[in-house]
Every structure is written in C-alpha cells, then in structure tokens.
Amino acid sequence: MKFYLCIDDTDNLDSIGTGTIAEQIQEKIIHQGYGPCSLVTRHQLFIHEDIPYTSHNSSMCFCGEAPDDALAAIISLAAEHLDTVAAVGSDPGLCVLAYDENCHYDELMEFGIDAKKTILTKNDAMICAQNHQLHLSEHGGTGQGIIGALAGVGLRLFGYDGEIKGALKNAEINQTYPVSELKKLPEVQQVLDLAAKKPLTDATLVNMCNRTKTVLYQNQYVLFVRKDENDQYTTLPKSEIRKLGDHFYV
C-alpha cells in the first residue's frame, strides 16, 4: 500500500514547527517497521485575513509504503502523536489517504489547488474526504487544520507544488558541483534550467551560491538553477524560490 499523510495547523509562534512534527510521525512509522517514506513537502496555502494561521499557512505532507493492513495503525499512531505534541492554541488536522491506482483523484487535486487561491470551509473538506473515502480528523481547537491537511494531500498528488522541507544539507555554499554529484543528494532527483525547464546534463557545473532548496515538479525533487552574468549555472535562494509564485514551474 502506498499512503499519503498530511498535517496542518499544529503549532504556535513558540512551538516546534509542523514540518518537524511530520518528520517525528515519519520516524514512528519507520520504527514500527513500515516504510520507506518520502521527504516532507511544504505546501503554501491561501493567505487571507479570514483564514487563521500561525505564520505562513502551509501544510506538511509525505508519502510512504506499508502493508495493506497497516492503515489503521498508521492513522492511530499519527493521531496519538498529534494529540500529544500539538501546541496550545493550534487547530490541528490530519489526513491519510490509502492510494489506489485505479481511482481518480481529480477532485482532491482541485481541492488542493483551490486552497492556494480561495477560502474553503471545513464542510468543503469533509465532503471531498467522503467522496474519496479517506481519513480526515480534527485534533484540537477548531479543527480548522483539516482543510490544509486535505489540501496538502491533494497538492502532493498533483505533483507540481511544494517545497522539500529544509535546505540542501550536504552541499557546501560557494562550491561548484557537477549535476551528477547533486543528484546523489536525497533532496535532488533532477536539476533543471529555470527558464527552459529542461534537465541539465550530468557533467554541467552548478555553483551553490546560497542556501537553496528543491521543489516538487512532475513528482520529482527538482533543483531549479539559472545562468548568471558569467554564463555559469547558479542556485536560487530559498526566499526567491518562495516569491516566484504559485505553480511557477507548471
């Protein structure tokens, strides 16, 4: 069984972040003998004064492998962890989908895309969840986090949205690497030219001039790079990646 798990709205300004909690859930799943699990992706949702959020209104999602009969155990494990560590004042939500390759998830993906540009309600989320027979649960506060949790699963399925949590941990700043070496990093499956959106050859050199990060593109972890004034490929800073806009790489 392939499953998708997403959480949202678990923190406050003084607590550990939702991404860290997602990684803790991953660790517990693996400790139970399930997995492997993917890296965590951060999905930016709509910013609006009528939507409560801690700082950025983003949800955290990952997928993994487990036996078909492990779904209930994974849901229980994740729910108990949320109930234990979610911050005071947060409104946590949990979504878990057992992926079926014979099912169509267009409505779920559209829900995620809509959550990036408009205000959705808990009722909208519950209807969509029922249509797809997936797990969606509230874990404190208003439970508003179920909206972002469901949206995160939809966006991860969509495959063209989300930043891989954290910067590239094993690449040194101001060092030059061939693409072949970058693709050995767990966060990098492909290196693409930002303008052309085409893959670079393994021998192409890239200057790691800042703390950058990869994004989800065509269901792969992609490092986007561009040429500088010296015709050298360079990385983009995290702040610039975030400012490029919704679906800039679609």
Protein backbone atom coordinates (compact mmCIF):
# COMPACT_ATOMS: atom_id res chain seq x y z
CA MET A 1 0.00 0.00 0.00
CA LYS A 2 1.14 3.49 -0.84
CA PHE A 3 -0.20 6.10 1.54
CA TYR A 4 -0.17 9.89 1.77
CA LEU A 5 -0.17 11.64 5.15
CA CYS A 6 -0.53 15.37 5.75
CA ILE A 7 -0.88 17.52 8.86
CA ASP A 8 -1.71 21.20 9.28
CA ASP A 9 -2.02 23.87 11.96
CA THR A 10 -0.18 22.07 14.77
CA ASP A 11 1.99 24.91 16.07
CA ASN A 12 2.07 28.34 17.63
CA LEU A 13 4.75 31.03 17.44
CA ASP A 14 6.76 29.44 20.29
CA SER A 15 6.47 25.75 19.44
CA ILE A 16 8.23 23.35 17.10
CA GLY A 17 7.03 23.61 13.52
CA THR A 18 4.53 21.44 11.72
CA GLY A 19 7.31 20.11 9.45
CA THR A 20 9.24 18.81 12.45
CA ILE A 21 6.11 17.09 13.76
CA ALA A 22 5.59 15.47 10.35
CA GLU A 23 9.13 14.12 10.49
CA GLN A 24 8.51 12.79 14.01
CA ILE A 25 5.48 10.90 12.72
CA GLN A 26 7.64 9.52 9.91
CA GLU A 27 10.17 8.27 12.42
CA LYS A 28 7.47 6.49 14.41
CA ILE A 29 6.06 4.88 11.27
CA ILE A 30 9.50 3.60 10.31
CA HIS A 31 10.13 2.41 13.89
CA GLN A 32 7.01 0.26 13.54
CA GLY A 33 8.67 -1.47 10.60
CA TYR A 34 6.81 0.33 7.82
CA GLY A 35 8.23 2.47 5.05
CA PRO A 36 10.21 3.71 3.32
CA CYS A 37 8.80 7.22 3.50
CA SER A 38 9.43 10.17 1.21
CA LEU A 39 10.83 13.52 2.21
CA VAL A 40 8.34 16.04 3.63
CA THR A 41 6.93 18.69 1.31
CA ARG A 42 5.70 22.10 2.41
CA HIS A 43 2.60 23.34 0.60
CA GLN A 44 1.79 27.05 0.71
CA LEU A 45 -1.93 27.79 1.04
CA PHE A 46 -4.03 30.93 0.65
CA ILE A 47 -3.12 33.90 2.82
CA HIS A 48 -6.22 35.85 3.87
CA GLU A 49 -7.32 37.74 6.96
CA ASP A 50 -10.29 35.39 7.35
CA ILE A 51 -8.06 32.30 7.45
CA PRO A 52 -6.40 31.61 10.82
CA TYR A 53 -2.76 30.50 10.63
CA THR A 54 0.41 30.77 12.68
CA SER A 55 2.89 32.41 10.32
CA HIS A 56 2.75 31.14 6.71
CA ASN A 57 -0.40 28.98 6.33
CA SER A 58 1.36 25.93 4.98
CA SER A 59 0.75 22.21 5.41
CA MET A 60 3.27 19.36 5.53
CA CYS A 61 2.87 16.11 3.60
CA PHE A 62 4.76 12.91 2.87
CA CYS A 63 4.02 9.55 1.31
CA GLY A 64 5.19 6.07 2.21
CA GLU A 65 4.81 2.34 1.78
CA ALA A 66 3.21 -0.08 4.20
CA PRO A 67 1.30 -3.39 4.21
CA ASP A 68 -2.37 -3.11 3.25
CA ASP A 69 -3.46 -3.96 6.79
CA ALA A 70 -1.32 -1.21 8.38
CA LEU A 71 -3.53 1.76 7.51
CA ALA A 72 -5.44 1.81 10.81
CA ALA A 73 -2.19 1.55 12.79
CA ILE A 74 -0.62 4.43 10.86
CA ILE A 75 -3.68 6.64 11.41
CA SER A 76 -3.74 5.79 15.12
CA LEU A 77 -0.02 6.44 15.50
CA ALA A 78 -0.23 9.82 13.76
CA ALA A 79 -3.37 10.87 15.65
CA GLU A 80 -1.88 9.99 19.03
CA HIS A 81 1.29 11.91 18.22
CA LEU A 82 -0.70 14.98 17.19
CA ASP A 83 -2.79 14.79 20.33
CA THR A 84 0.42 14.68 22.37
CA VAL A 85 2.58 17.35 20.76
CA ALA A 86 0.24 19.85 19.07
CA ALA A 87 0.73 23.31 20.56
CA VAL A 88 -1.70 25.15 22.77
CA GLY A 89 -3.99 27.31 20.66
CA SER A 90 -3.46 25.31 17.47
CA ASP A 91 -6.23 23.72 15.39
CA PRO A 92 -4.62 20.51 14.10
CA GLY A 93 -5.91 18.41 11.24
CA LEU A 94 -4.77 15.01 9.94
CA CYS A 95 -5.40 13.49 6.52
CA VAL A 96 -4.35 9.99 5.46
CA LEU A 97 -5.05 8.52 2.03
CA ALA A 98 -4.50 4.90 1.03
CA TYR A 99 -3.63 5.41 -2.62
CA ASP A 100 -5.46 3.29 -5.20
CA GLU A 101 -4.04 3.46 -8.71
CA ASN A 102 -7.48 2.59 -10.08
CA CYS A 103 -9.09 5.66 -8.51
CA HIS A 104 -9.31 9.14 -9.98
CA TYR A 105 -8.24 11.94 -7.65
CA ASP A 106 -9.03 14.97 -9.82
CA GLU A 107 -11.47 16.41 -7.25
CA LEU A 108 -8.92 16.00 -4.46
CA MET A 109 -6.19 17.68 -6.50
CA GLU A 110 -8.56 20.51 -7.43
CA PHE A 111 -9.34 20.99 -3.73
CA GLY A 112 -5.63 21.46 -3.07
CA ILE A 113 -5.22 23.90 -5.94
CA ASP A 114 -8.29 25.87 -4.81
CA ALA A 115 -6.88 26.05 -1.27
CA LYS A 116 -3.97 28.07 -2.65
CA LYS A 117 -6.22 30.83 -4.02
CA THR A 118 -9.54 30.93 -2.18
CA ILE A 119 -11.22 30.41 1.20
CA LEU A 120 -12.51 26.88 1.76
CA THR A 121 -14.55 25.56 4.69
CA LYS A 122 -14.41 22.52 6.92
CA ASN A 123 -17.61 21.35 5.29
CA ASP A 124 -15.96 21.57 1.86
CA ALA A 125 -13.15 19.42 3.19
CA MET A 126 -15.44 16.83 4.74
CA ILE A 127 -17.47 16.43 1.56
CA CYS A 128 -14.33 15.95 -0.53
CA ALA A 129 -12.91 13.47 2.01
CA GLN A 130 -16.13 11.44 1.99
CA ASN A 131 -16.13 11.34 -1.80
CA HIS A 132 -12.67 9.77 -1.72
CA GLN A 133 -13.19 7.62 1.38
CA LEU A 134 -10.03 8.87 3.05
CA HIS A 135 -9.26 9.60 6.68
CA LEU A 136 -9.71 13.21 7.84
CA SER A 137 -9.76 14.11 11.52
CA GLU A 138 -9.61 17.10 13.88
CA HIS A 139 -7.21 17.07 16.82
CA GLY A 140 -7.98 20.10 18.93
CA GLY A 141 -9.11 23.69 18.81
CA THR A 142 -11.48 24.46 15.97
CA GLY A 143 -10.12 21.61 13.86
CA GLN A 144 -9.66 24.09 11.03
CA GLY A 145 -6.45 22.29 10.12
CA ILE A 146 -8.40 19.58 8.31
CA ILE A 147 -8.71 21.97 5.36
CA GLY A 148 -4.95 22.36 4.95
CA ALA A 149 -4.31 18.68 5.68
CA LEU A 150 -6.66 17.59 2.90
CA ALA A 151 -5.28 20.26 0.56
CA GLY A 152 -1.72 19.08 1.19
CA VAL A 153 -2.55 15.52 0.15
CA GLY A 154 -4.23 16.85 -2.99
CA LEU A 155 -1.24 19.02 -3.87
CA ARG A 156 1.24 16.23 -3.24
CA LEU A 157 -0.79 14.01 -5.58
CA PHE A 158 -0.84 16.85 -8.10
CA GLY A 159 2.96 16.63 -8.16
CA TYR A 160 3.65 20.21 -9.24
CA ASP A 161 3.54 22.01 -5.92
CA GLY A 162 5.54 22.13 -2.72
CA GLU A 163 8.99 22.80 -1.38
CA ILE A 164 11.08 19.98 0.04
CA LYS A 165 11.43 20.74 3.75
CA GLY A 166 14.79 22.27 4.63
CA ALA A 167 17.74 23.39 2.56
CA LEU A 168 20.22 21.06 0.88
CA LYS A 169 22.03 19.77 3.94
CA ASN A 170 25.09 18.17 2.35
CA ALA A 171 26.05 20.78 -0.24
CA GLU A 172 28.56 23.49 0.70
CA ILE A 173 27.85 27.11 -0.14
CA ASN A 174 30.19 28.72 -2.69
CA GLN A 175 31.21 25.33 -4.03
CA THR A 176 30.74 24.11 -7.60
CA TYR A 177 29.26 20.67 -8.23
CA PRO A 178 28.56 18.65 -11.36
CA VAL A 179 24.91 17.75 -11.75
CA SER A 180 25.83 14.08 -11.32
CA GLU A 181 27.03 14.79 -7.75
CA LEU A 182 23.99 16.90 -6.87
CA LYS A 183 21.70 14.08 -7.96
CA LYS A 184 23.27 11.86 -5.32
CA LEU A 185 21.75 14.08 -2.59
CA PRO A 186 18.49 12.72 -1.14
CA GLU A 187 16.75 16.04 -1.85
CA VAL A 188 17.72 16.15 -5.56
CA GLN A 189 16.36 13.82 -8.23
CA GLN A 190 16.69 16.23 -11.15
CA VAL A 191 18.39 19.58 -11.93
CA LEU A 192 16.52 21.82 -14.35
CA ASP A 193 17.18 25.13 -16.07
CA LEU A 194 14.54 27.52 -14.66
CA ALA A 195 13.93 29.36 -17.95
CA ALA A 196 13.75 26.35 -20.24
CA LYS A 197 12.53 23.85 -17.64
CA LYS A 198 14.84 21.32 -19.23
CA PRO A 199 17.18 18.89 -17.42
CA LEU A 200 20.90 19.63 -17.41
CA THR A 201 23.45 17.01 -18.38
CA ASP A 202 25.29 15.21 -15.60
CA ALA A 203 28.54 17.00 -16.49
CA THR A 204 27.06 20.51 -16.20
CA LEU A 205 28.56 22.51 -13.34
CA VAL A 206 26.38 24.36 -10.82
CA ASN A 207 27.58 26.96 -8.33
CA MET A 208 25.90 26.56 -4.93
CA CYS A 209 25.96 30.29 -4.17
CA ASN A 210 23.34 30.24 -1.40
CA ARG A 211 21.23 28.07 0.88
CA THR A 212 18.77 26.77 -1.65
CA LYS A 213 16.09 24.09 -1.69
CA THR A 214 14.31 21.79 -4.10
CA VAL A 215 10.67 21.76 -5.14
CA LEU A 216 8.21 19.12 -6.27
CA TYR A 217 7.94 19.14 -10.07
CA GLN A 218 6.49 16.28 -12.13
CA ASN A 219 6.50 14.26 -8.89
CA GLN A 220 10.28 14.60 -8.57
CA TYR A 221 12.53 16.58 -6.22
CA VAL A 222 13.87 19.23 -8.58
CA LEU A 223 16.64 21.78 -8.10
CA PHE A 224 15.98 24.77 -10.36
CA VAL A 225 19.04 26.76 -11.44
CA ARG A 226 19.70 29.65 -13.83
CA LYS A 227 22.62 31.23 -15.65
CA ASP A 228 24.30 34.30 -14.16
CA GLU A 229 26.08 37.16 -15.95
CA ASN A 230 29.11 34.89 -16.42
CA ASP A 231 27.03 32.20 -18.13
CA GLN A 232 27.50 29.97 -15.08
CA TYR A 233 24.61 27.98 -13.65
CA THR A 234 23.79 29.11 -10.10
CA THR A 235 21.22 28.20 -7.47
CA LEU A 236 18.32 30.36 -6.31
CA PRO A 237 17.98 31.44 -2.67
CA LYS A 238 15.10 29.99 -0.67
CA SER A 239 13.46 33.40 -0.39
CA GLU A 240 13.41 33.83 -4.16
CA ILE A 241 12.01 30.37 -4.78
CA ARG A 242 9.12 31.24 -2.48
CA LYS A 243 8.49 34.53 -4.31
CA LEU A 244 8.36 33.02 -7.79
CA GLY A 245 4.63 32.50 -7.42
CA ASP A 246 2.13 29.69 -7.29
CA HIS A 247 2.80 26.97 -9.85
CA PHE A 248 5.64 28.92 -11.46
CA TYR A 249 7.03 25.62 -12.70
CA VAL A 250 3.85 24.16 -14.22
